[in-house]
Amino acid sequence: TRAELLATFTGPELAALIDEGCIIASAEDFSWELEQQVMSFPEAMWDSIVYRNWVRGVFVIVKVVEDRERECVLLRVNDEE
């Protein structure tokens, strides 16, 4: 399941938070560590690094659904919107 897959990446503690209404946020020291890793890549690649969304990220789980066909969605959020 997705929850099991998520647990392999994040550990069972974070996977257990995947429930409607939960808020997940990145700690400052974790964000700093990720920023250091991102900056080790050429600047042209920074926007394409997948885990950048965890840097100072806050996520609200609004809906949890059963596994279905695999889909890929790119979501960009700008300060301008």
C-alpha atoms as a PDB file:
ATOM      1  CA  THR A   1       0.000   0.000   0.000  1.00  0.00           C
ATOM      2  CA  ARG A   2       1.011   3.632  -0.198  1.00  0.00           C
ATOM      3  CA  ALA A   3       1.280   3.796   3.582  1.00  0.00           C
ATOM      4  CA  GLU A   4       3.759   0.911   3.545  1.00  0.00           C
ATOM      5  CA  LEU A   5       5.719   2.528   0.732  1.00  0.00           C
ATOM      6  CA  LEU A   6       5.788   5.845   2.583  1.00  0.00           C
ATOM      7  CA  ALA A   7       7.031   4.084   5.717  1.00  0.00           C
ATOM      8  CA  THR A   8      10.034   2.758   3.794  1.00  0.00           C
ATOM      9  CA  PHE A   9      11.038   6.349   2.918  1.00  0.00           C
ATOM     10  CA  THR A  10      10.064   8.238   6.060  1.00  0.00           C
ATOM     11  CA  GLY A  11       9.844   5.680   8.808  1.00  0.00           C
ATOM     12  CA  PRO A  12       6.738   4.401  10.539  1.00  0.00           C
ATOM     13  CA  GLU A  13       6.338   7.547  12.691  1.00  0.00           C
ATOM     14  CA  LEU A  14       5.610   9.818   9.739  1.00  0.00           C
ATOM     15  CA  ALA A  15       3.604   7.200   7.872  1.00  0.00           C
ATOM     16  CA  ALA A  16       1.367   6.856  10.935  1.00  0.00           C
ATOM     17  CA  LEU A  17       0.424  10.551  10.618  1.00  0.00           C
ATOM     18  CA  ILE A  18      -1.209  10.020   7.241  1.00  0.00           C
ATOM     19  CA  ASP A  19      -4.788  10.545   8.318  1.00  0.00           C
ATOM     20  CA  GLU A  20      -7.382  13.136   7.314  1.00  0.00           C
ATOM     21  CA  GLY A  21      -6.990  16.334   9.303  1.00  0.00           C
ATOM     22  CA  CYS A  22      -3.347  15.757  10.249  1.00  0.00           C
ATOM     23  CA  ILE A  23      -0.719  18.451   9.800  1.00  0.00           C
ATOM     24  CA  ILE A  24       2.878  17.445   9.091  1.00  0.00           C
ATOM     25  CA  ALA A  25       5.658  20.046   9.294  1.00  0.00           C
ATOM     26  CA  SER A  26       9.430  19.931   8.790  1.00  0.00           C
ATOM     27  CA  ALA A  27      11.638  20.792  11.757  1.00  0.00           C
ATOM     28  CA  GLU A  28      14.113  23.649  11.292  1.00  0.00           C
ATOM     29  CA  ASP A  29      17.227  21.449  11.718  1.00  0.00           C
ATOM     30  CA  PHE A  30      15.869  18.963   9.185  1.00  0.00           C
ATOM     31  CA  SER A  31      15.110  21.814   6.761  1.00  0.00           C
ATOM     32  CA  TRP A  32      18.628  23.194   7.195  1.00  0.00           C
ATOM     33  CA  GLU A  33      20.138  19.781   6.451  1.00  0.00           C
ATOM     34  CA  LEU A  34      18.056  19.412   3.290  1.00  0.00           C
ATOM     35  CA  GLU A  35      19.020  22.907   2.136  1.00  0.00           C
ATOM     36  CA  GLN A  36      22.682  21.989   2.493  1.00  0.00           C
ATOM     37  CA  GLN A  37      22.119  18.904   0.358  1.00  0.00           C
ATOM     38  CA  VAL A  38      20.213  20.887  -2.293  1.00  0.00           C
ATOM     39  CA  MET A  39      22.978  23.491  -2.471  1.00  0.00           C
ATOM     40  CA  SER A  40      25.502  20.757  -3.245  1.00  0.00           C
ATOM     41  CA  PHE A  41      23.861  20.389  -6.690  1.00  0.00           C
ATOM     42  CA  PRO A  42      24.258  22.898  -9.539  1.00  0.00           C
ATOM     43  CA  GLU A  43      21.780  25.768  -9.150  1.00  0.00           C
ATOM     44  CA  ALA A  44      20.110  24.862 -12.458  1.00  0.00           C
ATOM     45  CA  MET A  45      18.944  21.602 -10.856  1.00  0.00           C
ATOM     46  CA  TRP A  46      17.506  23.024  -7.623  1.00  0.00           C
ATOM     47  CA  ASP A  47      13.914  23.346  -8.874  1.00  0.00           C
ATOM     48  CA  SER A  48      13.835  19.736 -10.022  1.00  0.00           C
ATOM     49  CA  ILE A  49      15.032  18.196  -6.738  1.00  0.00           C
ATOM     50  CA  VAL A  50      12.043  16.313  -5.386  1.00  0.00           C
ATOM     51  CA  TYR A  51      12.671  16.654  -1.670  1.00  0.00           C
ATOM     52  CA  ARG A  52      12.874  20.474  -1.805  1.00  0.00           C
ATOM     53  CA  ASN A  53       9.200  20.529  -0.828  1.00  0.00           C
ATOM     54  CA  TRP A  54      10.209  19.291   2.644  1.00  0.00           C
ATOM     55  CA  VAL A  55      12.328  22.402   3.356  1.00  0.00           C
ATOM     56  CA  ARG A  56      10.200  24.377   5.838  1.00  0.00           C
ATOM     57  CA  GLY A  57       7.250  22.438   4.495  1.00  0.00           C
ATOM     58  CA  VAL A  58       3.853  22.203   6.141  1.00  0.00           C
ATOM     59  CA  PHE A  59       1.355  19.689   4.801  1.00  0.00           C
ATOM     60  CA  VAL A  60      -2.312  19.298   5.654  1.00  0.00           C
ATOM     61  CA  ILE A  61      -3.749  15.874   4.902  1.00  0.00           C
ATOM     62  CA  VAL A  62      -7.201  16.642   3.511  1.00  0.00           C
ATOM     63  CA  LYS A  63      -8.126  13.288   2.047  1.00  0.00           C
ATOM     64  CA  VAL A  64      -6.872   9.725   2.244  1.00  0.00           C
ATOM     65  CA  VAL A  65      -7.933   7.301  -0.478  1.00  0.00           C
ATOM     66  CA  GLU A  66      -7.327   3.663  -1.234  1.00  0.00           C
ATOM     67  CA  ASP A  67      -4.562   2.818  -3.668  1.00  0.00           C
ATOM     68  CA  ARG A  68      -5.527   3.193  -7.314  1.00  0.00           C
ATOM     69  CA  GLU A  69      -3.759   3.552 -10.639  1.00  0.00           C
ATOM     70  CA  ARG A  70      -0.460   5.335 -10.365  1.00  0.00           C
ATOM     71  CA  GLU A  71      -0.711   8.985 -11.325  1.00  0.00           C
ATOM     72  CA  CYS A  72       1.830  11.771 -11.456  1.00  0.00           C
ATOM     73  CA  VAL A  73       0.808  15.319 -10.549  1.00  0.00           C
ATOM     74  CA  LEU A  74       3.083  18.356 -10.485  1.00  0.00           C
ATOM     75  CA  LEU A  75       1.834  21.054  -8.132  1.00  0.00           C
ATOM     76  CA  ARG A  76       3.532  24.433  -7.978  1.00  0.00           C
ATOM     77  CA  VAL A  77       2.535  27.048  -5.406  1.00  0.00           C
ATOM     78  CA  ASN A  78       3.898  30.581  -5.759  1.00  0.00           C
ATOM     79  CA  ASP A  79       3.734  33.516  -3.370  1.00  0.00           C
ATOM     80  CA  GLU A  80       2.123  35.473  -6.203  1.00  0.00           C
ATOM     81  CA  GLU A  81      -1.065  33.403  -6.155  1.00  0.00           C
END
